[in-house]
N, C-alpha and C. Protein backbone atom coordinates (compact mmCIF):
# COMPACT_ATOMS: atom_id res chain seq x y z
N UNK A 1 58.45 62.92 28.37
CA UNK A 1 57.51 62.43 27.25
C UNK A 1 57.07 60.98 27.61
N UNK A 2 55.75 60.79 27.22
CA UNK A 2 55.13 59.34 27.17
C UNK A 2 55.70 58.58 26.29
N UNK A 3 55.72 57.22 26.54
CA UNK A 3 56.30 56.37 25.41
C UNK A 3 54.87 55.48 24.84
N UNK A 4 54.49 55.45 23.55
CA UNK A 4 53.41 54.68 23.10
C UNK A 4 53.77 52.95 23.27
N UNK A 5 52.66 52.61 24.05
CA UNK A 5 52.75 51.05 24.28
C UNK A 5 51.55 50.48 23.84
N UNK A 6 51.60 49.46 23.24
CA UNK A 6 50.60 48.70 22.68
C UNK A 6 49.54 48.32 23.81
N UNK A 7 48.18 48.35 23.51
CA UNK A 7 47.18 48.11 24.36
C UNK A 7 47.05 46.41 24.61
N UNK A 8 46.81 46.20 25.59
CA UNK A 8 46.50 44.93 26.37
C UNK A 8 45.71 44.13 25.22
N UNK A 9 45.63 43.06 24.72
CA UNK A 9 44.27 42.24 24.07
C UNK A 9 43.35 42.23 24.87
N UNK A 10 42.34 42.01 24.57
CA UNK A 10 40.97 42.19 25.15
C UNK A 10 40.09 40.53 24.71
N UNK A 11 39.14 40.54 25.76
CA UNK A 11 38.20 39.57 25.79
C UNK A 11 36.88 39.87 25.02
N UNK A 12 36.83 39.29 23.79
CA UNK A 12 35.49 39.53 22.93
C UNK A 12 34.47 39.00 23.61
N UNK A 13 33.44 40.10 23.99
CA UNK A 13 32.23 39.56 24.46
C UNK A 13 31.04 40.12 23.74
N UNK A 14 30.35 39.15 23.44
CA UNK A 14 28.89 39.78 22.52
C UNK A 14 27.55 39.35 23.14
N UNK A 15 26.98 40.52 23.28
CA UNK A 15 25.29 39.95 23.99
C UNK A 15 24.58 40.14 22.60
N UNK A 16 23.34 39.46 22.98
CA UNK A 16 22.67 39.41 21.99
C UNK A 16 21.16 39.09 22.33
N UNK A 17 20.16 39.95 22.12
CA UNK A 17 18.92 39.72 22.47
C UNK A 17 17.83 39.27 21.20
N UNK A 18 16.66 38.66 21.67
CA UNK A 18 15.70 38.21 20.62
C UNK A 18 14.50 37.70 21.14
N UNK A 19 13.51 37.61 20.41
CA UNK A 19 12.49 37.04 21.04
C UNK A 19 12.32 35.58 20.67
N UNK A 20 12.77 35.09 19.81
CA UNK A 20 12.81 33.47 19.32
C UNK A 20 14.36 32.98 19.75
N UNK A 21 14.47 32.43 20.94
CA UNK A 21 15.39 31.75 21.40
C UNK A 21 16.14 30.72 20.58
N UNK A 22 15.28 30.16 19.52
CA UNK A 22 15.70 29.25 18.65
C UNK A 22 17.02 29.75 17.73
N UNK A 23 16.77 31.13 17.44
CA UNK A 23 17.76 31.76 16.72
C UNK A 23 19.10 31.82 17.28
N UNK A 24 19.24 31.66 18.54
CA UNK A 24 20.49 31.58 19.23
C UNK A 24 21.54 30.80 18.52
N UNK A 25 21.10 29.39 18.45
CA UNK A 25 22.13 28.25 17.64
C UNK A 25 22.91 28.70 16.44
N UNK A 26 21.84 29.11 15.57
CA UNK A 26 22.35 29.81 14.32
C UNK A 26 23.48 30.92 14.61
N UNK A 27 22.99 32.00 15.24
CA UNK A 27 23.89 32.89 15.63
C UNK A 27 25.03 32.43 16.22
N UNK A 28 25.16 31.52 17.20
CA UNK A 28 26.30 31.03 17.68
C UNK A 28 27.39 30.58 16.74
N UNK A 29 26.78 29.81 15.90
CA UNK A 29 27.57 29.06 14.66
C UNK A 29 28.11 30.34 13.76
N UNK A 30 27.35 31.29 13.43
CA UNK A 30 27.93 32.27 12.62
C UNK A 30 29.11 33.11 13.34
N UNK A 31 28.87 33.44 14.49
CA UNK A 31 29.58 34.40 15.50
C UNK A 31 31.04 33.50 15.39
N UNK A 32 31.02 31.79 15.57
CA UNK A 32 32.33 31.27 15.75
C UNK A 32 33.01 31.04 14.65
N UNK A 33 32.15 31.16 13.01
CA UNK A 33 33.12 31.22 11.75
C UNK A 33 33.62 32.40 12.01
N UNK A 34 33.23 33.64 12.49
CA UNK A 34 33.90 34.95 12.27
C UNK A 34 34.80 35.15 13.32
N UNK A 35 34.67 34.54 14.54
CA UNK A 35 35.41 35.16 15.86
C UNK A 35 36.23 33.93 16.54
N UNK A 36 36.12 32.67 16.02
CA UNK A 36 36.59 31.64 16.80
C UNK A 36 35.65 31.14 17.55
N UNK A 37 36.33 30.00 18.58
CA UNK A 37 35.50 29.25 19.53
C UNK A 37 34.99 29.99 20.53
N UNK A 38 33.74 29.71 21.00
CA UNK A 38 33.03 30.27 22.04
C UNK A 38 33.59 29.77 23.34
N UNK A 39 34.04 30.56 24.56
CA UNK A 39 34.35 29.83 25.80
C UNK A 39 33.39 29.60 26.89
N UNK A 40 32.69 30.89 26.76
CA UNK A 40 31.54 30.98 28.05
C UNK A 40 30.39 31.56 27.39
N UNK A 41 29.38 31.09 28.02
CA UNK A 41 27.67 31.30 27.69
C UNK A 41 27.13 31.47 28.90
N UNK A 42 26.41 32.84 28.98
CA UNK A 42 25.58 32.81 30.14
C UNK A 42 24.30 32.16 30.23
N UNK A 43 23.36 32.27 31.03
CA UNK A 43 22.06 31.60 30.86
C UNK A 43 21.38 32.72 30.32
N UNK A 44 20.09 32.27 29.80
CA UNK A 44 19.11 33.14 29.29
C UNK A 44 18.75 34.16 30.39
N UNK A 45 19.00 35.52 29.78
CA UNK A 45 18.06 36.44 31.03
C UNK A 45 16.93 37.16 30.29
N UNK A 46 15.95 37.60 31.07
CA UNK A 46 14.89 38.29 30.53
C UNK A 46 15.36 39.60 29.99
N UNK A 47 15.03 40.26 28.83
CA UNK A 47 15.43 41.44 28.35
C UNK A 47 14.17 42.38 28.53
N UNK A 48 14.04 42.92 29.86
CA UNK A 48 12.51 43.55 30.23
C UNK A 48 12.83 44.81 30.76
N UNK A 49 14.26 45.47 30.48
CA UNK A 49 14.35 46.66 31.18
C UNK A 49 14.16 47.91 30.46
N UNK A 50 13.54 47.40 29.30
CA UNK A 50 12.99 48.79 28.51
C UNK A 50 12.15 48.22 27.39
N UNK A 51 11.19 49.05 26.86
CA UNK A 51 10.16 48.34 25.89
C UNK A 51 10.64 49.11 24.67
N UNK A 52 11.72 49.90 24.46
CA UNK A 52 12.40 50.68 23.52
C UNK A 52 12.38 49.59 21.83
N UNK A 53 12.46 48.33 22.25
CA UNK A 53 12.75 47.48 20.99
C UNK A 53 11.54 46.65 20.79
N UNK A 54 10.34 46.83 21.63
CA UNK A 54 9.11 46.01 21.56
C UNK A 54 8.39 46.03 20.02
N UNK A 55 8.27 47.32 19.79
CA UNK A 55 7.63 47.75 18.39
C UNK A 55 8.31 47.07 17.41
N UNK A 56 9.50 46.87 17.25
CA UNK A 56 10.25 46.30 16.30
C UNK A 56 10.39 44.65 16.14
N UNK A 57 10.46 44.44 17.70
CA UNK A 57 10.90 43.17 17.68
C UNK A 57 10.33 42.10 18.23
N UNK A 58 8.96 42.69 18.71
CA UNK A 58 7.97 42.04 19.82
C UNK A 58 8.41 41.96 21.05
N UNK A 59 7.77 40.67 21.62
CA UNK A 59 8.36 40.29 22.97
C UNK A 59 7.53 39.21 23.54
N UNK A 60 7.91 38.73 24.59
CA UNK A 60 9.18 38.98 25.28
C UNK A 60 10.29 38.86 24.68
N UNK A 61 11.28 39.49 25.09
CA UNK A 61 12.61 39.38 24.57
C UNK A 61 13.61 38.55 25.65
N UNK A 62 14.79 38.06 25.26
CA UNK A 62 15.56 37.41 26.00
C UNK A 62 17.18 37.54 25.56
N UNK A 63 18.03 37.91 26.52
CA UNK A 63 19.47 38.06 26.22
C UNK A 63 20.23 36.90 26.55
N UNK A 64 21.32 36.60 25.86
CA UNK A 64 22.21 36.04 26.13
C UNK A 64 23.67 36.64 25.74
N UNK A 65 24.69 36.35 26.59
CA UNK A 65 25.80 37.00 26.33
C UNK A 65 27.05 35.75 26.38
N UNK A 66 27.92 36.04 25.38
CA UNK A 66 29.03 35.17 25.05
C UNK A 66 30.33 35.61 24.94
N UNK A 67 31.30 34.81 25.44
CA UNK A 67 32.64 35.55 25.33
C UNK A 67 33.17 34.27 24.23
N UNK A 68 34.50 34.61 23.89
CA UNK A 68 35.34 33.88 22.65
C UNK A 68 36.65 33.33 23.32
N UNK A 69 37.25 32.69 23.05
CA UNK A 69 38.64 32.25 23.21
C UNK A 69 39.69 32.96 22.79
N UNK A 70 39.53 33.38 21.71
CA UNK A 70 40.53 34.30 20.95
C UNK A 70 40.24 35.53 21.66
N UNK A 71 41.58 36.31 21.91
CA UNK A 71 41.41 37.69 22.30
C UNK A 71 41.74 38.44 21.13
N UNK A 72 41.23 39.77 21.37
CA UNK A 72 41.18 40.65 20.24
C UNK A 72 42.02 42.02 20.49
N UNK A 73 42.31 42.69 19.47
CA UNK A 73 43.00 43.84 19.87
C UNK A 73 42.02 44.85 20.11
N UNK A 74 42.35 45.64 20.97
CA UNK A 74 41.04 46.76 21.65
C UNK A 74 40.64 47.73 20.49
N UNK A 75 41.59 48.09 19.36
CA UNK A 75 41.25 49.08 18.26
C UNK A 75 40.41 48.19 17.34
N UNK A 76 39.99 47.04 17.49
CA UNK A 76 39.35 46.41 16.45
C UNK A 76 37.91 46.55 16.64
N UNK A 77 37.51 47.14 17.59
CA UNK A 77 35.93 47.24 18.24
C UNK A 77 35.16 47.68 16.94
N UNK A 78 35.43 48.70 16.26
CA UNK A 78 34.69 49.34 15.12
C UNK A 78 34.42 48.24 14.07
N UNK A 79 35.72 47.58 13.74
CA UNK A 79 35.76 46.44 12.66
C UNK A 79 34.67 45.48 13.15
N UNK A 80 34.68 44.98 14.29
CA UNK A 80 33.88 44.03 14.75
C UNK A 80 32.33 44.48 14.74
N UNK A 81 31.90 45.52 15.04
CA UNK A 81 30.59 46.12 15.16
C UNK A 81 30.25 45.96 13.48
N UNK A 82 31.07 46.28 12.76
CA UNK A 82 30.71 46.46 11.24
C UNK A 82 30.25 44.95 10.98
N UNK A 83 30.74 44.00 11.37
CA UNK A 83 30.73 42.47 11.03
C UNK A 83 29.41 42.18 11.64
N UNK A 84 29.26 42.55 12.99
CA UNK A 84 27.79 41.94 13.76
C UNK A 84 26.66 42.55 13.07
N UNK A 85 26.87 43.92 12.46
CA UNK A 85 25.71 44.66 12.09
C UNK A 85 25.45 43.88 10.62
N UNK A 86 26.50 43.25 9.74
CA UNK A 86 25.99 42.68 8.70
C UNK A 86 25.49 41.34 9.07
N UNK A 87 25.95 40.63 10.23
CA UNK A 87 25.40 39.52 10.57
C UNK A 87 23.80 39.64 11.15
N UNK A 88 23.76 40.70 11.76
CA UNK A 88 22.20 41.23 12.28
C UNK A 88 21.26 41.47 11.29
N UNK A 89 21.70 41.86 10.17
CA UNK A 89 21.05 42.38 8.86
C UNK A 89 20.44 40.79 8.23
N UNK A 90 21.23 39.95 8.57
CA UNK A 90 20.82 38.39 7.96
C UNK A 90 19.82 37.92 8.74
N UNK A 91 19.33 38.50 9.74
CA UNK A 91 18.18 38.13 10.48
C UNK A 91 17.12 38.99 10.55
N UNK A 92 16.96 39.79 9.76
CA UNK A 92 15.91 40.80 9.49
C UNK A 92 14.62 40.10 8.83
N UNK A 93 13.46 40.50 9.37
CA UNK A 93 12.25 39.67 8.84
C UNK A 93 11.26 40.91 8.52
N UNK A 94 10.77 41.23 7.32
CA UNK A 94 10.15 42.26 6.96
C UNK A 94 10.55 43.69 7.45
N UNK A 95 11.92 43.98 7.18
CA UNK A 95 12.90 45.08 7.79
C UNK A 95 12.91 45.13 9.18
N UNK A 96 12.19 44.11 10.06
CA UNK A 96 12.53 44.24 11.54
C UNK A 96 13.73 43.28 11.79
N UNK A 97 14.39 43.53 13.02
CA UNK A 97 15.36 42.81 13.33
C UNK A 97 14.72 41.69 14.16
N UNK A 98 15.32 40.64 13.86
CA UNK A 98 15.07 39.33 14.67
C UNK A 98 16.03 39.30 15.85
N UNK A 99 17.17 39.72 15.72
CA UNK A 99 18.34 39.39 16.87
C UNK A 99 18.83 40.96 16.76
N UNK A 100 19.09 41.43 18.00
CA UNK A 100 19.90 42.81 18.31
C UNK A 100 21.49 42.18 18.71
N UNK A 101 22.41 42.45 18.23
CA UNK A 101 23.68 42.13 18.59
C UNK A 101 24.50 43.43 19.19
N UNK A 102 25.01 43.04 20.34
CA UNK A 102 25.82 44.11 21.07
C UNK A 102 27.28 43.74 21.38
N UNK A 103 28.30 43.85 20.36
CA UNK A 103 29.56 43.41 20.68
C UNK A 103 30.27 44.53 21.57
N UNK A 104 31.28 44.07 22.15
CA UNK A 104 32.21 44.59 23.17
C UNK A 104 33.27 43.81 23.54
N UNK A 105 34.15 44.41 24.34
CA UNK A 105 35.46 43.70 25.21
C UNK A 105 35.52 44.10 26.66
N UNK A 106 35.99 43.40 27.22
CA UNK A 106 36.53 43.12 28.61
C UNK A 106 37.95 43.23 28.69
N UNK A 107 38.48 43.97 29.67
CA UNK A 107 39.95 43.94 30.04
C UNK A 107 39.83 44.12 31.55
N UNK A 108 41.18 44.04 32.25
CA UNK A 108 41.10 44.07 33.48
C UNK A 108 40.40 45.24 34.29
N UNK A 109 40.22 46.50 33.58
CA UNK A 109 40.11 47.50 34.02
C UNK A 109 38.39 47.75 33.72
N UNK A 110 37.94 47.41 32.65
CA UNK A 110 36.57 47.85 32.00
C UNK A 110 35.97 46.78 31.32
N UNK A 111 34.56 47.32 31.02
CA UNK A 111 33.90 46.68 30.16
C UNK A 111 33.14 47.70 29.28
N UNK A 112 33.63 47.40 27.74
CA UNK A 112 33.34 48.49 26.88
C UNK A 112 32.25 47.89 25.88
N UNK A 113 31.39 48.73 25.56
CA UNK A 113 30.33 47.76 24.33
C UNK A 113 30.47 48.97 23.24
N UNK A 114 30.18 48.35 21.91
CA UNK A 114 30.19 49.24 20.82
C UNK A 114 28.62 49.77 20.47
N UNK A 115 28.59 50.77 20.15
CA UNK A 115 27.29 51.24 19.60
C UNK A 115 27.32 52.32 18.33
N UNK A 116 26.25 52.37 17.58
CA UNK A 116 26.17 53.59 16.64
C UNK A 116 25.74 54.65 16.93
N UNK A 117 25.34 54.78 18.20
CA UNK A 117 24.84 56.22 18.65
C UNK A 117 25.79 56.54 19.60
N UNK A 118 25.75 58.17 19.06
CA UNK A 118 26.60 59.22 19.76
C UNK A 118 25.90 59.47 21.18
N UNK A 119 26.85 60.07 22.11
CA UNK A 119 26.21 60.56 23.27
C UNK A 119 27.30 61.23 23.95
N UNK A 120 27.13 62.16 24.97
CA UNK A 120 28.15 62.83 25.71
C UNK A 120 29.47 61.98 26.28
N UNK A 121 29.41 60.78 26.47
CA UNK A 121 30.35 59.91 27.08
C UNK A 121 30.84 58.90 26.29
N UNK A 122 30.29 58.89 25.17
CA UNK A 122 30.94 57.87 23.96
C UNK A 122 32.14 58.55 23.21
N UNK A 123 32.87 57.78 22.77
CA UNK A 123 34.32 57.99 22.15
C UNK A 123 34.31 57.44 20.61
N UNK A 124 34.04 58.33 19.63
CA UNK A 124 34.12 57.73 18.27
C UNK A 124 35.36 57.01 18.02
N UNK A 125 35.33 55.87 17.58
CA UNK A 125 36.24 54.91 17.08
C UNK A 125 36.34 54.59 15.81
N UNK A 126 35.60 55.25 14.86
CA UNK A 126 35.76 54.76 13.54
C UNK A 126 34.35 54.00 13.00
N UNK A 127 34.56 54.11 11.55
CA UNK A 127 33.27 53.35 10.76
C UNK A 127 31.83 53.56 11.61
N UNK A 128 31.67 54.85 11.97
CA UNK A 128 30.20 54.90 12.48
C UNK A 128 30.11 54.16 13.68
N UNK A 129 31.14 53.83 14.39
CA UNK A 129 31.11 53.24 15.89
C UNK A 129 31.48 54.16 16.88
N UNK A 130 30.94 54.28 18.18
CA UNK A 130 31.32 54.73 19.22
C UNK A 130 31.76 53.58 20.50
N UNK A 131 32.43 53.95 21.14
CA UNK A 131 32.93 52.81 22.27
C UNK A 131 32.20 53.44 23.48
N UNK A 132 31.41 52.53 24.16
CA UNK A 132 30.51 53.11 25.40
C UNK A 132 31.23 52.54 26.59
N UNK A 133 32.00 53.19 27.23
CA UNK A 133 32.42 52.88 28.67
C UNK A 133 31.21 52.17 29.77
N UNK A 134 30.97 50.84 29.56
CA UNK A 134 29.64 50.54 30.32
C UNK A 134 29.66 50.22 31.75
N UNK A 135 31.09 49.47 32.07
CA UNK A 135 31.14 49.01 33.51
C UNK A 135 32.78 49.42 33.69
N UNK A 136 33.08 49.54 35.08
CA UNK A 136 34.46 49.61 35.55
C UNK A 136 34.53 48.74 36.61
N UNK A 137 35.88 48.12 36.61
CA UNK A 137 36.17 46.85 37.51
C UNK A 137 36.86 47.77 38.64
N UNK A 138 36.21 47.84 39.82
CA UNK A 138 36.90 48.73 40.97
C UNK A 138 36.52 47.91 42.28
N UNK A 139 37.56 47.68 43.11
CA UNK A 139 37.09 47.13 44.67
C UNK A 139 36.79 45.81 44.32
N UNK A 140 37.16 44.86 43.42
CA UNK A 140 36.90 43.73 43.29
C UNK A 140 35.70 42.95 42.72
N UNK A 141 35.13 44.30 41.99
CA UNK A 141 33.62 43.69 41.14
C UNK A 141 33.40 44.92 40.22
N UNK A 142 32.42 44.80 39.28
CA UNK A 142 31.99 45.78 38.32
C UNK A 142 31.27 46.78 38.75
N UNK A 143 31.49 48.03 38.47
CA UNK A 143 30.91 48.99 38.87
C UNK A 143 30.02 49.88 38.06
N UNK A 144 28.74 50.09 38.20
CA UNK A 144 27.85 50.65 37.26
C UNK A 144 28.43 52.27 37.10
N UNK A 145 28.01 52.94 36.09
CA UNK A 145 28.14 54.29 35.65
C UNK A 145 26.84 54.84 35.69
N UNK A 146 26.71 56.09 35.61
CA UNK A 146 25.59 56.86 35.39
C UNK A 146 24.73 56.33 34.29
N UNK A 147 25.52 56.19 33.12
CA UNK A 147 24.86 55.80 31.73
C UNK A 147 24.76 54.33 31.50
N UNK A 148 25.23 53.43 32.47
CA UNK A 148 25.16 52.09 32.09
C UNK A 148 23.52 51.45 31.80
N UNK A 149 23.99 50.57 30.69
CA UNK A 149 22.61 50.18 30.53
C UNK A 149 21.75 49.39 31.48
N UNK A 150 20.56 49.55 31.68
CA UNK A 150 20.06 48.81 33.01
C UNK A 150 20.41 47.22 33.01
N UNK A 151 20.11 46.61 31.81
CA UNK A 151 20.54 45.12 31.97
C UNK A 151 21.98 45.07 32.16
N UNK A 152 22.82 45.69 32.12
CA UNK A 152 24.12 45.68 32.49
C UNK A 152 24.22 46.12 33.99
N UNK A 153 23.34 46.80 34.53
CA UNK A 153 23.41 46.90 36.07
C UNK A 153 23.26 45.61 36.52
N UNK A 154 22.34 44.74 36.13
CA UNK A 154 21.78 43.64 36.71
C UNK A 154 22.87 42.68 37.45
N UNK A 155 22.68 41.96 38.65
CA UNK A 155 23.58 41.38 39.41
C UNK A 155 23.84 40.02 38.46
N UNK A 156 22.86 39.47 37.79
CA UNK A 156 23.22 38.24 37.08
C UNK A 156 24.30 38.55 36.08
N UNK A 157 24.00 39.51 35.49
CA UNK A 157 24.91 39.87 34.16
C UNK A 157 26.37 40.39 34.55
N UNK A 158 26.48 41.20 35.81
CA UNK A 158 27.77 41.28 36.40
C UNK A 158 28.40 40.48 36.87
N UNK A 159 27.75 39.39 37.55
CA UNK A 159 28.24 38.21 37.95
C UNK A 159 28.88 37.40 36.77
N UNK A 160 28.05 37.13 35.88
CA UNK A 160 28.65 36.44 34.59
C UNK A 160 30.19 37.26 34.04
N UNK A 161 29.84 38.18 34.03
CA UNK A 161 31.08 39.36 33.35
C UNK A 161 32.14 39.07 34.34
N UNK A 162 31.88 38.78 35.51
CA UNK A 162 33.18 38.72 36.57
C UNK A 162 33.59 37.35 36.35
N UNK A 163 32.87 36.48 36.19
CA UNK A 163 33.34 35.03 35.49
C UNK A 163 34.34 35.15 34.27
N UNK A 164 33.62 36.05 33.27
CA UNK A 164 34.47 36.21 32.07
C UNK A 164 35.86 36.69 32.38
N UNK A 165 35.72 37.78 33.26
CA UNK A 165 37.12 38.55 33.71
C UNK A 165 38.12 37.46 34.42
N UNK A 166 37.54 36.62 35.03
CA UNK A 166 38.52 35.39 35.93
C UNK A 166 39.16 34.81 34.56
N UNK A 167 38.45 34.30 33.43
CA UNK A 167 38.78 33.69 32.42
C UNK A 167 39.79 34.66 31.72
N UNK A 168 39.61 35.70 31.59
CA UNK A 168 40.41 36.69 30.85
C UNK A 168 41.94 36.67 31.58
N UNK A 169 41.83 36.95 32.86
CA UNK A 169 42.97 36.90 33.80
C UNK A 169 43.82 35.67 33.47
N UNK A 170 43.13 34.55 33.33
CA UNK A 170 43.79 33.25 32.98
C UNK A 170 44.55 33.55 31.52
N UNK A 171 43.92 33.99 30.66
CA UNK A 171 44.35 34.01 29.40
C UNK A 171 45.27 34.78 28.99
N UNK A 172 45.29 35.75 29.60
CA UNK A 172 46.46 36.97 29.82
C UNK A 172 47.81 36.34 30.47
N UNK A 173 47.63 35.70 31.48
CA UNK A 173 48.69 35.00 32.14
C UNK A 173 49.43 33.93 31.14
N UNK A 174 48.70 33.17 30.71
CA UNK A 174 48.97 32.20 29.76
C UNK A 174 49.58 32.75 28.64
N UNK A 175 49.11 34.12 27.86
CA UNK A 175 49.70 34.65 26.75
C UNK A 175 51.35 35.09 27.22
N UNK A 176 51.12 35.74 28.33
CA UNK A 176 52.49 36.33 28.87
C UNK A 176 53.51 35.33 28.96
N UNK A 177 53.29 34.01 29.55
CA UNK A 177 53.93 33.12 30.02
C UNK A 177 54.37 32.43 28.37
N UNK A 178 53.53 32.24 27.58
CA UNK A 178 53.95 31.83 26.33
C UNK A 178 54.90 32.62 25.28
N UNK A 179 54.72 34.10 25.75
CA UNK A 179 55.71 35.15 25.06
C UNK A 179 57.01 34.77 25.52
N UNK A 180 57.16 34.63 27.00
CA UNK A 180 58.49 34.52 27.73
C UNK A 180 59.26 33.47 27.18
N UNK A 181 58.32 32.27 27.17
CA UNK A 181 58.88 31.05 26.65
C UNK A 181 59.43 31.11 25.27
N UNK A 182 58.36 32.02 24.33
CA UNK A 182 59.34 32.11 23.04
C UNK A 182 60.47 33.00 22.93
N UNK A 183 60.44 33.99 23.64
CA UNK A 183 61.78 34.84 23.72
C UNK A 183 62.73 33.91 24.32
N UNK A 184 62.68 33.17 25.41
CA UNK A 184 63.82 32.46 25.97
C UNK A 184 64.35 31.48 24.71
N UNK A 185 63.36 30.68 24.01
CA UNK A 185 63.80 29.89 22.97
C UNK A 185 64.76 30.65 21.96
N UNK A 186 64.00 31.68 21.55
CA UNK A 186 64.89 32.68 20.54
C UNK A 186 66.28 32.89 21.11
N UNK A 187 66.36 33.37 22.29
CA UNK A 187 67.75 33.87 22.68
C UNK A 187 68.55 32.58 23.03
N UNK A 188 67.97 31.54 23.10
CA UNK A 188 68.86 30.24 23.20
C UNK A 188 69.39 29.73 21.93
N UNK A 189 68.56 29.76 20.77
CA UNK A 189 68.89 29.88 19.41
C UNK A 189 69.89 30.50 18.86
N UNK A 190 69.87 31.88 19.38
CA UNK A 190 71.12 32.78 18.88
C UNK A 190 72.03 32.79 19.60
N UNK A 191 72.16 31.82 20.67
CA UNK A 191 73.60 31.90 21.50
C UNK A 191 74.27 30.75 20.76
N UNK A 192 73.45 29.68 20.08
CA UNK A 192 74.20 28.55 19.70
C UNK A 192 75.01 28.94 18.39
């Protein structure tokens, strides 16, 4: 019989694209109030892989992806998506989005995005949210899947996520080290 084991904490990664780059600073401040300090920000990338959003948001569109210092529980993805949906609605202009926000998380093995749209490969995680396995980490790099969004297939974005993963590995080592130190101190206190 398998034993239930708590999932490893994950690195919160949020992508956003917009027409007006000036909105990013306001968005970053709001996200930091909700999720804590930002630790990495990718350079601006053109969001020109699809014209799906052009009618609503105009163009050209630009993407930025950020990661956060604080690690999250993997099962908090639907709650985070609900928060970012609310933030996104604060940027509406005549019922059109000024910003599209894509929250997700990164762990050693994979990168997962939250979406409100069901599809064959997506798993429902509650609150109207599905988890989309977007990239897997194998043979030293992130690998596309048949359904990976075109912008997440780009070398620039995968290179940025590889840097985020390196930071995440360091964060997890530090977390495990802090836990061991805490356990050792507790044992020392109990033996006195």
